[in-house]
């Protein structure tokens, strides 16, 4: 399964961002897979908690913590251009814009500002 620059192999339990392997605990892997199956769609907290924990209201801030960890791994460790956005009062959304694609060769270097 591929969304933006994230590749997820459900059978092998592997996640790659821009070719870099990332390690996810089971619940975070399942959360990322759920988002990737529904890219660019808002998913309610209720739907996520029902799908991952079998309940509509997990205790404390469990979902928030797991989302934060997945975000961190994707953006900080994997340097993904995809984001998991919190939509106030609605839920969360995995957003991968059209410019979010694996880059190769000279495209991977950031553009240099013109001097002149």
PDB file of N, CA and C in Angstrom:
ATOM      1  N   UNK A   1       0.866  -1.169   0.000  1.00  0.00           N
ATOM      2  CA  UNK A   1       0.000   0.000   0.000  1.00  0.00           C
ATOM      3  C   UNK A   1       0.911   1.230   0.000  1.00  0.00           C
ATOM      4  N   UNK A   2       0.581   2.193  -0.864  1.00  0.00           N
ATOM      5  CA  UNK A   2       1.412   3.396  -0.945  1.00  0.00           C
ATOM      6  C   UNK A   2       0.534   4.637  -0.978  1.00  0.00           C
ATOM      7  N   UNK A   3       0.858   5.600  -0.125  1.00  0.00           N
ATOM      8  CA  UNK A   3       0.179   6.896  -0.092  1.00  0.00           C
ATOM      9  C   UNK A   3       1.268   7.950   0.042  1.00  0.00           C
ATOM     10  N   UNK A   4       1.303   8.878  -0.909  1.00  0.00           N
ATOM     11  CA  UNK A   4       2.347   9.901  -0.877  1.00  0.00           C
ATOM     12  C   UNK A   4       3.713   9.243  -0.917  1.00  0.00           C
ATOM     13  N   UNK A   5       4.552   9.576   0.058  1.00  0.00           N
ATOM     14  CA  UNK A   5       5.890   8.974   0.117  1.00  0.00           C
ATOM     15  C   UNK A   5       5.975   7.878   1.182  1.00  0.00           C
ATOM     16  N   UNK A   6       4.821   7.394   1.631  1.00  0.00           N
ATOM     17  CA  UNK A   6       4.767   6.339   2.646  1.00  0.00           C
ATOM     18  C   UNK A   6       4.398   5.019   1.981  1.00  0.00           C
ATOM     19  N   UNK A   7       5.174   3.984   2.257  1.00  0.00           N
ATOM     20  CA  UNK A   7       4.866   2.639   1.785  1.00  0.00           C
ATOM     21  C   UNK A   7       4.654   1.757   2.996  1.00  0.00           C
ATOM     22  N   UNK A   8       3.556   1.000   2.988  1.00  0.00           N
ATOM     23  CA  UNK A   8       3.236   0.127   4.105  1.00  0.00           C
ATOM     24  C   UNK A   8       2.982  -1.273   3.561  1.00  0.00           C
ATOM     25  N   UNK A   9       3.651  -2.248   4.151  1.00  0.00           N
ATOM     26  CA  UNK A   9       3.482  -3.653   3.777  1.00  0.00           C
ATOM     27  C   UNK A   9       2.778  -4.356   4.936  1.00  0.00           C
ATOM     28  N   UNK A  10       1.441  -4.532   4.843  1.00  0.00           N
ATOM     29  CA  UNK A  10       0.703  -5.145   5.954  1.00  0.00           C
ATOM     30  C   UNK A  10       1.136  -6.583   6.245  1.00  0.00           C
ATOM     31  N   UNK A  11       1.449  -7.360   5.212  1.00  0.00           N
ATOM     32  CA  UNK A  11       1.832  -8.753   5.406  1.00  0.00           C
ATOM     33  C   UNK A  11       3.186  -8.873   6.102  1.00  0.00           C
ATOM     34  N   UNK A  12       4.117  -8.015   5.714  1.00  0.00           N
ATOM     35  CA  UNK A  12       5.459  -8.069   6.290  1.00  0.00           C
ATOM     36  C   UNK A  12       5.651  -7.173   7.494  1.00  0.00           C
ATOM     37  N   UNK A  13       4.636  -6.342   7.802  1.00  0.00           N
ATOM     38  CA  UNK A  13       4.690  -5.419   8.937  1.00  0.00           C
ATOM     39  C   UNK A  13       5.855  -4.443   8.799  1.00  0.00           C
ATOM     40  N   UNK A  14       6.004  -3.890   7.571  1.00  0.00           N
ATOM     41  CA  UNK A  14       7.068  -2.935   7.291  1.00  0.00           C
ATOM     42  C   UNK A  14       6.474  -1.594   6.892  1.00  0.00           C
ATOM     43  N   UNK A  15       7.171  -0.510   7.284  1.00  0.00           N
ATOM     44  CA  UNK A  15       6.807   0.836   6.858  1.00  0.00           C
ATOM     45  C   UNK A  15       8.075   1.502   6.342  1.00  0.00           C
ATOM     46  N   UNK A  16       7.961   2.122   5.159  1.00  0.00           N
ATOM     47  CA  UNK A  16       9.074   2.849   4.571  1.00  0.00           C
ATOM     48  C   UNK A  16       8.614   4.248   4.203  1.00  0.00           C
ATOM     49  N   UNK A  17       9.442   5.228   4.499  1.00  0.00           N
ATOM     50  CA  UNK A  17       9.199   6.596   4.056  1.00  0.00           C
ATOM     51  C   UNK A  17      10.434   7.020   3.292  1.00  0.00           C
ATOM     52  N   UNK A  18      10.234   7.344   2.018  1.00  0.00           N
ATOM     53  CA  UNK A  18      11.338   7.732   1.138  1.00  0.00           C
ATOM     54  C   UNK A  18      12.466   6.698   1.157  1.00  0.00           C
ATOM     55  N   UNK A  19      12.068   5.425   1.233  1.00  0.00           N
ATOM     56  CA  UNK A  19      13.030   4.330   1.234  1.00  0.00           C
ATOM     57  C   UNK A  19      13.628   4.010   2.586  1.00  0.00           C
ATOM     58  N   UNK A  20      13.355   4.830   3.593  1.00  0.00           N
ATOM     59  CA  UNK A  20      13.894   4.614   4.936  1.00  0.00           C
ATOM     60  C   UNK A  20      12.918   3.754   5.739  1.00  0.00           C
ATOM     61  N   UNK A  21      13.420   2.685   6.329  1.00  0.00           N
ATOM     62  CA  UNK A  21      12.595   1.788   7.136  1.00  0.00           C
ATOM     63  C   UNK A  21      12.312   2.410   8.502  1.00  0.00           C
ATOM     64  N   UNK A  22      11.042   2.397   8.901  1.00  0.00           N
ATOM     65  CA  UNK A  22      10.641   2.899  10.218  1.00  0.00           C
ATOM     66  C   UNK A  22      10.003   1.776  11.013  1.00  0.00           C
ATOM     67  N   UNK A  23      10.248   1.774  12.310  1.00  0.00           N
ATOM     68  CA  UNK A  23       9.695   0.750  13.187  1.00  0.00           C
ATOM     69  C   UNK A  23       8.487   1.295  13.931  1.00  0.00           C
ATOM     70  N   UNK A  24       7.381   0.562  13.894  1.00  0.00           N
ATOM     71  CA  UNK A  24       6.152   0.956  14.580  1.00  0.00           C
ATOM     72  C   UNK A  24       5.669  -0.170  15.475  1.00  0.00           C
ATOM     73  N   UNK A  25       5.288   0.137  16.716  1.00  0.00           N
ATOM     74  CA  UNK A  25       4.607  -0.862  17.541  1.00  0.00           C
ATOM     75  C   UNK A  25       3.274  -1.221  16.876  1.00  0.00           C
ATOM     76  N   UNK A  26       2.690  -2.335  17.258  1.00  0.00           N
ATOM     77  CA  UNK A  26       1.488  -2.851  16.609  1.00  0.00           C
ATOM     78  C   UNK A  26       0.371  -1.822  16.503  1.00  0.00           C
ATOM     79  N   UNK A  27      -0.009  -1.173  17.589  1.00  0.00           N
ATOM     80  CA  UNK A  27      -1.146  -0.245  17.570  1.00  0.00           C
ATOM     81  C   UNK A  27      -0.884   0.943  16.644  1.00  0.00           C
ATOM     82  N   UNK A  28       0.332   1.455  16.657  1.00  0.00           N
ATOM     83  CA  UNK A  28       0.675   2.580  15.787  1.00  0.00           C
ATOM     84  C   UNK A  28       0.697   2.145  14.320  1.00  0.00           C
ATOM     85  N   UNK A  29       1.157   0.944  14.061  1.00  0.00           N
ATOM     86  CA  UNK A  29       1.139   0.398  12.699  1.00  0.00           C
ATOM     87  C   UNK A  29      -0.306   0.301  12.202  1.00  0.00           C
ATOM     88  N   UNK A  30      -1.194  -0.223  13.056  1.00  0.00           N
ATOM     89  CA  UNK A  30      -2.603  -0.354  12.686  1.00  0.00           C
ATOM     90  C   UNK A  30      -3.252   1.008  12.462  1.00  0.00           C
ATOM     91  N   UNK A  31      -2.876   1.986  13.278  1.00  0.00           N
ATOM     92  CA  UNK A  31      -3.404   3.344  13.132  1.00  0.00           C
ATOM     93  C   UNK A  31      -2.958   3.937  11.785  1.00  0.00           C
ATOM     94  N   UNK A  32      -1.677   3.812  11.466  1.00  0.00           N
ATOM     95  CA  UNK A  32      -1.174   4.321  10.198  1.00  0.00           C
ATOM     96  C   UNK A  32      -1.860   3.620   9.033  1.00  0.00           C
ATOM     97  N   UNK A  33      -2.017   2.314   9.110  1.00  0.00           N
ATOM     98  CA  UNK A  33      -2.699   1.574   8.045  1.00  0.00           C
ATOM     99  C   UNK A  33      -4.130   2.070   7.860  1.00  0.00           C
ATOM    100  N   UNK A  34      -4.828   2.330   8.963  1.00  0.00           N
ATOM    101  CA  UNK A  34      -6.197   2.819   8.894  1.00  0.00           C
ATOM    102  C   UNK A  34      -6.253   4.163   8.166  1.00  0.00           C
ATOM    103  N   UNK A  35      -5.325   5.058   8.505  1.00  0.00           N
ATOM    104  CA  UNK A  35      -5.252   6.349   7.818  1.00  0.00           C
ATOM    105  C   UNK A  35      -4.932   6.163   6.334  1.00  0.00           C
ATOM    106  N   UNK A  36      -3.985   5.275   6.026  1.00  0.00           N
ATOM    107  CA  UNK A  36      -3.570   5.082   4.645  1.00  0.00           C
ATOM    108  C   UNK A  36      -4.673   4.456   3.787  1.00  0.00           C
ATOM    109  N   UNK A  37      -5.551   3.710   4.411  1.00  0.00           N
ATOM    110  CA  UNK A  37      -6.683   3.137   3.678  1.00  0.00           C
ATOM    111  C   UNK A  37      -7.724   4.199   3.351  1.00  0.00           C
ATOM    112  N   UNK A  38      -7.631   5.366   4.012  1.00  0.00           N
ATOM    113  CA  UNK A  38      -8.576   6.466   3.831  1.00  0.00           C
ATOM    114  C   UNK A  38      -7.840   7.799   3.691  1.00  0.00           C
ATOM    115  N   UNK A  39      -6.928   7.915   2.726  1.00  0.00           N
ATOM    116  CA  UNK A  39      -6.144   9.156   2.608  1.00  0.00           C
ATOM    117  C   UNK A  39      -7.025  10.358   2.291  1.00  0.00           C
ATOM    118  N   UNK A  40      -6.647  11.492   2.858  1.00  0.00           N
ATOM    119  CA  UNK A  40      -7.319  12.776   2.614  1.00  0.00           C
ATOM    120  C   UNK A  40      -8.775  12.797   3.068  1.00  0.00           C
ATOM    121  N   UNK A  41      -9.165  11.858   3.921  1.00  0.00           N
ATOM    122  CA  UNK A  41     -10.529  11.831   4.452  1.00  0.00           C
ATOM    123  C   UNK A  41     -10.481  12.066   5.956  1.00  0.00           C
ATOM    124  N   UNK A  42     -11.418  12.846   6.467  1.00  0.00           N
ATOM    125  CA  UNK A  42     -11.486  13.087   7.905  1.00  0.00           C
ATOM    126  C   UNK A  42     -12.086  11.841   8.563  1.00  0.00           C
ATOM    127  N   UNK A  43     -11.388  11.356   9.588  1.00  0.00           N
ATOM    128  CA  UNK A  43     -11.838  10.176  10.325  1.00  0.00           C
ATOM    129  C   UNK A  43     -12.097  10.617  11.760  1.00  0.00           C
ATOM    130  N   UNK A  44     -13.280  10.353  12.240  1.00  0.00           N
ATOM    131  CA  UNK A  44     -13.642  10.793  13.583  1.00  0.00           C
ATOM    132  C   UNK A  44     -12.873  10.005  14.643  1.00  0.00           C
ATOM    133  N   UNK A  45     -12.716  10.624  15.790  1.00  0.00           N
ATOM    134  CA  UNK A  45     -12.077   9.962  16.923  1.00  0.00           C
ATOM    135  C   UNK A  45     -12.848   8.694  17.274  1.00  0.00           C
ATOM    136  N   UNK A  46     -14.159   8.792  17.214  1.00  0.00           N
ATOM    137  CA  UNK A  46     -15.013   7.642  17.539  1.00  0.00           C
ATOM    138  C   UNK A  46     -14.723   6.474  16.598  1.00  0.00           C
ATOM    139  N   UNK A  47     -14.645   6.762  15.299  1.00  0.00           N
ATOM    140  CA  UNK A  47     -14.369   5.703  14.316  1.00  0.00           C
ATOM    141  C   UNK A  47     -12.999   5.073  14.559  1.00  0.00           C
ATOM    142  N   UNK A  48     -11.999   5.911  14.818  1.00  0.00           N
ATOM    143  CA  UNK A  48     -10.647   5.398  15.070  1.00  0.00           C
ATOM    144  C   UNK A  48     -10.587   4.527  16.325  1.00  0.00           C
ATOM    145  N   UNK A  49     -11.187   4.996  17.398  1.00  0.00           N
ATOM    146  CA  UNK A  49     -11.132   4.221  18.638  1.00  0.00           C
ATOM    147  C   UNK A  49     -11.934   2.932  18.522  1.00  0.00           C
ATOM    148  N   UNK A  50     -13.039   2.964  17.784  1.00  0.00           N
ATOM    149  CA  UNK A  50     -13.824   1.745  17.568  1.00  0.00           C
ATOM    150  C   UNK A  50     -13.023   0.735  16.754  1.00  0.00           C
ATOM    151  N   UNK A  51     -12.357   1.220  15.714  1.00  0.00           N
ATOM    152  CA  UNK A  51     -11.584   0.343  14.833  1.00  0.00           C
ATOM    153  C   UNK A  51     -10.352  -0.238  15.522  1.00  0.00           C
ATOM    154  N   UNK A  52      -9.675   0.549  16.350  1.00  0.00           N
ATOM    155  CA  UNK A  52      -8.420   0.095  16.940  1.00  0.00           C
ATOM    156  C   UNK A  52      -8.546  -0.524  18.327  1.00  0.00           C
ATOM    157  N   UNK A  53      -9.532  -0.072  19.091  1.00  0.00           N
ATOM    158  CA  UNK A  53      -9.668  -0.579  20.454  1.00  0.00           C
ATOM    159  C   UNK A  53     -10.996  -1.287  20.708  1.00  0.00           C
ATOM    160  N   UNK A  54     -11.905  -1.233  19.736  1.00  0.00           N
ATOM    161  CA  UNK A  54     -13.186  -1.900  19.906  1.00  0.00           C
ATOM    162  C   UNK A  54     -14.133  -1.177  20.840  1.00  0.00           C
ATOM    163  N   UNK A  55     -13.860   0.079  21.098  1.00  0.00           N
ATOM    164  CA  UNK A  55     -14.706   0.886  21.963  1.00  0.00           C
ATOM    165  C   UNK A  55     -14.798   2.284  21.370  1.00  0.00           C
ATOM    166  N   UNK A  56     -15.818   3.018  21.715  1.00  0.00           N
ATOM    167  CA  UNK A  56     -15.960   4.371  21.177  1.00  0.00           C
ATOM    168  C   UNK A  56     -15.240   5.414  22.011  1.00  0.00           C
ATOM    169  N   UNK A  57     -14.836   5.051  23.211  1.00  0.00           N
ATOM    170  CA  UNK A  57     -14.181   6.031  24.076  1.00  0.00           C
ATOM    171  C   UNK A  57     -13.098   5.365  24.914  1.00  0.00           C
ATOM    172  N   UNK A  58     -11.854   5.287  24.380  1.00  0.00           N
ATOM    173  CA  UNK A  58     -10.783   4.713  25.207  1.00  0.00           C
ATOM    174  C   UNK A  58     -10.504   5.640  26.381  1.00  0.00           C
ATOM    175  N   UNK A  59      -9.972   5.072  27.418  1.00  0.00           N
ATOM    176  CA  UNK A  59      -9.652   5.862  28.607  1.00  0.00           C
ATOM    177  C   UNK A  59      -8.585   6.897  28.287  1.00  0.00           C
ATOM    178  N   UNK A  60      -8.664   8.011  28.965  1.00  0.00           N
ATOM    179  CA  UNK A  60      -7.699   9.115  28.875  1.00  0.00           C
ATOM    180  C   UNK A  60      -7.463   9.588  27.445  1.00  0.00           C
ATOM    181  N   UNK A  61      -6.234   9.915  27.149  1.00  0.00           N
ATOM    182  CA  UNK A  61      -5.889  10.480  25.834  1.00  0.00           C
ATOM    183  C   UNK A  61      -5.106   9.483  24.978  1.00  0.00           C
ATOM    184  N   UNK A  62      -5.476   8.221  25.057  1.00  0.00           N
ATOM    185  CA  UNK A  62      -4.762   7.161  24.353  1.00  0.00           C
ATOM    186  C   UNK A  62      -4.638   7.431  22.858  1.00  0.00           C
ATOM    187  N   UNK A  63      -5.735   7.775  22.213  1.00  0.00           N
ATOM    188  CA  UNK A  63      -5.689   8.026  20.768  1.00  0.00           C
ATOM    189  C   UNK A  63      -4.778   9.200  20.449  1.00  0.00           C
ATOM    190  N   UNK A  64      -4.887  10.272  21.216  1.00  0.00           N
ATOM    191  CA  UNK A  64      -4.071  11.464  20.989  1.00  0.00           C
ATOM    192  C   UNK A  64      -2.587  11.119  21.065  1.00  0.00           C
ATOM    193  N   UNK A  65      -2.212  10.318  22.040  1.00  0.00           N
ATOM    194  CA  UNK A  65      -0.808   9.927  22.216  1.00  0.00           C
ATOM    195  C   UNK A  65      -0.331   9.097  21.031  1.00  0.00           C
ATOM    196  N   UNK A  66      -1.139   8.145  20.596  1.00  0.00           N
ATOM    197  CA  UNK A  66      -0.743   7.302  19.467  1.00  0.00           C
ATOM    198  C   UNK A  66      -0.622   8.111  18.174  1.00  0.00           C
ATOM    199  N   UNK A  67      -1.555   9.026  17.940  1.00  0.00           N
ATOM    200  CA  UNK A  67      -1.472   9.879  16.753  1.00  0.00           C
ATOM    201  C   UNK A  67      -0.200  10.716  16.804  1.00  0.00           C
ATOM    202  N   UNK A  68       0.109  11.268  17.960  1.00  0.00           N
ATOM    203  CA  UNK A  68       1.318  12.086  18.108  1.00  0.00           C
ATOM    204  C   UNK A  68       2.573  11.267  17.792  1.00  0.00           C
ATOM    205  N   UNK A  69       2.621  10.031  18.252  1.00  0.00           N
ATOM    206  CA  UNK A  69       3.790   9.180  18.000  1.00  0.00           C
ATOM    207  C   UNK A  69       3.933   8.850  16.513  1.00  0.00           C
ATOM    208  N   UNK A  70       2.814   8.549  15.860  1.00  0.00           N
ATOM    209  CA  UNK A  70       2.867   8.248  14.426  1.00  0.00           C
ATOM    210  C   UNK A  70       3.314   9.485  13.647  1.00  0.00           C
ATOM    211  N   UNK A  71       2.759  10.638  13.993  1.00  0.00           N
ATOM    212  CA  UNK A  71       3.172  11.900  13.351  1.00  0.00           C
ATOM    213  C   UNK A  71       4.670  12.099  13.471  1.00  0.00           C
ATOM    214  N   UNK A  72       5.178  11.942  14.696  1.00  0.00           N
ATOM    215  CA  UNK A  72       6.603  12.150  14.957  1.00  0.00           C
ATOM    216  C   UNK A  72       7.460  11.220  14.094  1.00  0.00           C
ATOM    217  N   UNK A  73       7.096   9.951  14.064  1.00  0.00           N
ATOM    218  CA  UNK A  73       7.891   9.008  13.277  1.00  0.00           C
ATOM    219  C   UNK A  73       7.865   9.349  11.801  1.00  0.00           C
ATOM    220  N   UNK A  74       6.715   9.729  11.292  1.00  0.00           N
ATOM    221  CA  UNK A  74       6.617  10.055   9.873  1.00  0.00           C
ATOM    222  C   UNK A  74       7.407  11.309   9.525  1.00  0.00           C
ATOM    223  N   UNK A  75       7.221  12.378  10.298  1.00  0.00           N
ATOM    224  CA  UNK A  75       7.828  13.653   9.928  1.00  0.00           C
ATOM    225  C   UNK A  75       9.253  13.829  10.428  1.00  0.00           C
ATOM    226  N   UNK A  76       9.529  13.401  11.640  1.00  0.00           N
ATOM    227  CA  UNK A  76      10.869  13.608  12.206  1.00  0.00           C
ATOM    228  C   UNK A  76      11.843  12.514  11.789  1.00  0.00           C
ATOM    229  N   UNK A  77      11.440  11.256  11.902  1.00  0.00           N
ATOM    230  CA  UNK A  77      12.348  10.164  11.565  1.00  0.00           C
ATOM    231  C   UNK A  77      12.343   9.866  10.069  1.00  0.00           C
ATOM    232  N   UNK A  78      11.170   9.914   9.453  1.00  0.00           N
ATOM    233  CA  UNK A  78      11.062   9.551   8.051  1.00  0.00           C
ATOM    234  C   UNK A  78      11.120  10.722   7.100  1.00  0.00           C
ATOM    235  N   UNK A  79      11.007  11.942   7.623  1.00  0.00           N
ATOM    236  CA  UNK A  79      11.014  13.161   6.816  1.00  0.00           C
ATOM    237  C   UNK A  79       9.945  13.114   5.717  1.00  0.00           C
ATOM    238  N   UNK A  80       8.772  12.575   6.076  1.00  0.00           N
ATOM    239  CA  UNK A  80       7.668  12.489   5.124  1.00  0.00           C
ATOM    240  C   UNK A  80       7.054  13.857   4.875  1.00  0.00           C
ATOM    241  N   UNK A  81       6.528  14.036   3.676  1.00  0.00           N
ATOM    242  CA  UNK A  81       5.798  15.262   3.379  1.00  0.00           C
ATOM    243  C   UNK A  81       4.312  15.090   3.685  1.00  0.00           C
ATOM    244  N   UNK A  82       3.901  13.897   4.076  1.00  0.00           N
ATOM    245  CA  UNK A  82       2.519  13.656   4.488  1.00  0.00           C
ATOM    246  C   UNK A  82       2.366  14.073   5.947  1.00  0.00           C
ATOM    247  N   UNK A  83       1.184  14.555   6.282  1.00  0.00           N
ATOM    248  CA  UNK A  83       0.924  14.969   7.659  1.00  0.00           C
ATOM    249  C   UNK A  83      -0.373  14.342   8.153  1.00  0.00           C
ATOM    250  N   UNK A  84      -0.480  14.219   9.456  1.00  0.00           N
ATOM    251  CA  UNK A  84      -1.741  13.829  10.074  1.00  0.00           C
ATOM    252  C   UNK A  84      -2.250  15.076  10.768  1.00  0.00           C
ATOM    253  N   UNK A  85      -3.308  15.634  10.206  1.00  0.00           N
ATOM    254  CA  UNK A  85      -3.863  16.885  10.713  1.00  0.00           C
ATOM    255  C   UNK A  85      -5.018  16.609  11.661  1.00  0.00           C
ATOM    256  N   UNK A  86      -5.069  17.366  12.753  1.00  0.00           N
ATOM    257  CA  UNK A  86      -6.227  17.331  13.645  1.00  0.00           C
ATOM    258  C   UNK A  86      -7.236  18.329  13.106  1.00  0.00           C
ATOM    259  N   UNK A  87      -8.447  17.872  12.893  1.00  0.00           N
ATOM    260  CA  UNK A  87      -9.520  18.731  12.424  1.00  0.00           C
ATOM    261  C   UNK A  87     -10.429  18.972  13.623  1.00  0.00           C
ATOM    262  N   UNK A  88     -10.348  20.161  14.155  1.00  0.00           N
ATOM    263  CA  UNK A  88     -11.034  20.488  15.410  1.00  0.00           C
ATOM    264  C   UNK A  88     -12.526  20.128  15.348  1.00  0.00           C
ATOM    265  N   UNK A  89     -12.948  19.363  16.347  1.00  0.00           N
ATOM    266  CA  UNK A  89     -14.341  18.965  16.459  1.00  0.00           C
ATOM    267  C   UNK A  89     -14.756  17.854  15.509  1.00  0.00           C
ATOM    268  N   UNK A  90     -13.821  17.386  14.669  1.00  0.00           N
ATOM    269  CA  UNK A  90     -14.159  16.364  13.667  1.00  0.00           C
ATOM    270  C   UNK A  90     -13.343  15.082  13.835  1.00  0.00           C
ATOM    271  N   UNK A  91     -12.026  15.202  13.893  1.00  0.00           N
ATOM    272  CA  UNK A  91     -11.174  14.022  13.979  1.00  0.00           C
ATOM    273  C   UNK A  91      -9.806  14.308  13.400  1.00  0.00           C
ATOM    274  N   UNK A  92      -9.305  13.363  12.602  1.00  0.00           N
ATOM    275  CA  UNK A  92      -7.965  13.458  12.029  1.00  0.00           C
ATOM    276  C   UNK A  92      -8.013  13.126  10.541  1.00  0.00           C
ATOM    277  N   UNK A  93      -6.968  13.585   9.814  1.00  0.00           N
ATOM    278  CA  UNK A  93      -6.885  13.319   8.378  1.00  0.00           C
ATOM    279  C   UNK A  93      -5.417  13.148   7.988  1.00  0.00           C
ATOM    280  N   UNK A  94      -5.135  12.088   7.237  1.00  0.00           N
ATOM    281  CA  UNK A  94      -3.815  11.909   6.634  1.00  0.00           C
ATOM    282  C   UNK A  94      -3.825  12.688   5.334  1.00  0.00           C
ATOM    283  N   UNK A  95      -2.978  13.691   5.250  1.00  0.00           N
ATOM    284  CA  UNK A  95      -2.949  14.588   4.092  1.00  0.00           C
ATOM    285  C   UNK A  95      -1.621  14.431   3.364  1.00  0.00           C
ATOM    286  N   UNK A  96      -1.704  14.030   2.112  1.00  0.00           N
ATOM    287  CA  UNK A  96      -0.533  13.929   1.248  1.00  0.00           C
ATOM    288  C   UNK A  96      -0.861  14.682  -0.016  1.00  0.00           C
ATOM    289  N   UNK A  97      -0.300  15.860  -0.157  1.00  0.00           N
ATOM    290  CA  UNK A  97      -0.584  16.696  -1.315  1.00  0.00           C
ATOM    291  C   UNK A  97      -0.038  16.107  -2.597  1.00  0.00           C
ATOM    292  N   UNK A  98      -0.412  16.695  -3.715  1.00  0.00           N
ATOM    293  CA  UNK A  98       0.022  16.204  -5.023  1.00  0.00           C
ATOM    294  C   UNK A  98       1.535  16.317  -5.203  1.00  0.00           C
ATOM    295  N   UNK A  99       2.148  17.239  -4.490  1.00  0.00           N
ATOM    296  CA  UNK A  99       3.605  17.387  -4.595  1.00  0.00           C
ATOM    297  C   UNK A  99       4.342  16.412  -3.683  1.00  0.00           C
ATOM    298  N   UNK A 100       3.602  15.611  -2.940  1.00  0.00           N
ATOM    299  CA  UNK A 100       4.188  14.659  -1.998  1.00  0.00           C
ATOM    300  C   UNK A 100       4.438  13.334  -2.699  1.00  0.00           C
ATOM    301  N   UNK A 101       5.585  13.222  -3.295  1.00  0.00           N
ATOM    302  CA  UNK A 101       5.968  11.992  -3.984  1.00  0.00           C
ATOM    303  C   UNK A 101       7.440  11.769  -3.736  1.00  0.00           C
ATOM    304  N   UNK A 102       7.866  10.520  -3.756  1.00  0.00           N
ATOM    305  CA  UNK A 102       9.294  10.270  -3.567  1.00  0.00           C
ATOM    306  C   UNK A 102      10.113  11.035  -4.591  1.00  0.00           C
ATOM    307  N   UNK A 103      11.169  11.649  -4.131  1.00  0.00           N
ATOM    308  CA  UNK A 103      12.031  12.425  -5.019  1.00  0.00           C
ATOM    309  C   UNK A 103      13.301  11.655  -5.282  1.00  0.00           C
ATOM    310  N   UNK A 104      13.829  11.844  -6.464  1.00  0.00           N
ATOM    311  CA  UNK A 104      15.052  11.151  -6.836  1.00  0.00           C
ATOM    312  C   UNK A 104      16.042  12.142  -7.406  1.00  0.00           C
ATOM    313  N   UNK A 105      17.294  11.762  -7.383  1.00  0.00           N
ATOM    314  CA  UNK A 105      18.351  12.564  -8.001  1.00  0.00           C
ATOM    315  C   UNK A 105      18.413  13.980  -7.480  1.00  0.00           C
ATOM    316  N   UNK A 106      18.533  14.939  -8.386  1.00  0.00           N
ATOM    317  CA  UNK A 106      18.724  16.330  -8.008  1.00  0.00           C
ATOM    318  C   UNK A 106      17.466  16.950  -7.425  1.00  0.00           C
ATOM    319  N   UNK A 107      16.291  16.309  -7.630  1.00  0.00           N
ATOM    320  CA  UNK A 107      15.062  16.860  -7.085  1.00  0.00           C
ATOM    321  C   UNK A 107      15.041  16.821  -5.570  1.00  0.00           C
ATOM    322  N   UNK A 108      15.846  15.936  -4.957  1.00  0.00           N
ATOM    323  CA  UNK A 108      15.821  15.803  -3.509  1.00  0.00           C
ATOM    324  C   UNK A 108      16.491  16.968  -2.795  1.00  0.00           C
ATOM    325  N   UNK A 109      17.282  17.747  -3.516  1.00  0.00           N
ATOM    326  CA  UNK A 109      17.925  18.900  -2.910  1.00  0.00           C
ATOM    327  C   UNK A 109      16.963  20.077  -2.905  1.00  0.00           C
ATOM    328  N   UNK A 110      16.911  20.817  -1.780  1.00  0.00           N
ATOM    329  CA  UNK A 110      16.026  21.975  -1.745  1.00  0.00           C
ATOM    330  C   UNK A 110      16.499  23.046  -2.724  1.00  0.00           C
ATOM    331  N   UNK A 111      15.582  23.796  -3.294  1.00  0.00           N
ATOM    332  CA  UNK A 111      15.995  24.840  -4.225  1.00  0.00           C
ATOM    333  C   UNK A 111      16.840  25.888  -3.539  1.00  0.00           C
ATOM    334  N   UNK A 112      17.814  26.386  -4.247  1.00  0.00           N
ATOM    335  CA  UNK A 112      18.706  27.403  -3.698  1.00  0.00           C
ATOM    336  C   UNK A 112      18.138  28.789  -4.012  1.00  0.00           C
ATOM    337  N   UNK A 113      18.167  29.705  -3.052  1.00  0.00           N
ATOM    338  CA  UNK A 113      17.674  31.051  -3.333  1.00  0.00           C
ATOM    339  C   UNK A 113      18.568  31.744  -4.346  1.00  0.00           C
ATOM    340  N   UNK A 114      17.957  32.533  -5.207  1.00  0.00           N
ATOM    341  CA  UNK A 114      18.754  33.255  -6.208  1.00  0.00           C
ATOM    342  C   UNK A 114      19.438  34.444  -5.545  1.00  0.00           C
ATOM    343  N   UNK A 115      20.612  34.706  -5.992  1.00  0.00           N
ATOM    344  CA  UNK A 115      21.376  35.830  -5.434  1.00  0.00           C
ATOM    345  C   UNK A 115      21.644  36.801  -6.553  1.00  0.00           C
ATOM    346  N   UNK A 116      21.152  37.957  -6.364  1.00  0.00           N
ATOM    347  CA  UNK A 116      21.472  38.855  -7.447  1.00  0.00           C
ATOM    348  C   UNK A 116      20.755  40.086  -7.399  1.00  0.00           C
TER     349      UNK A 116
END
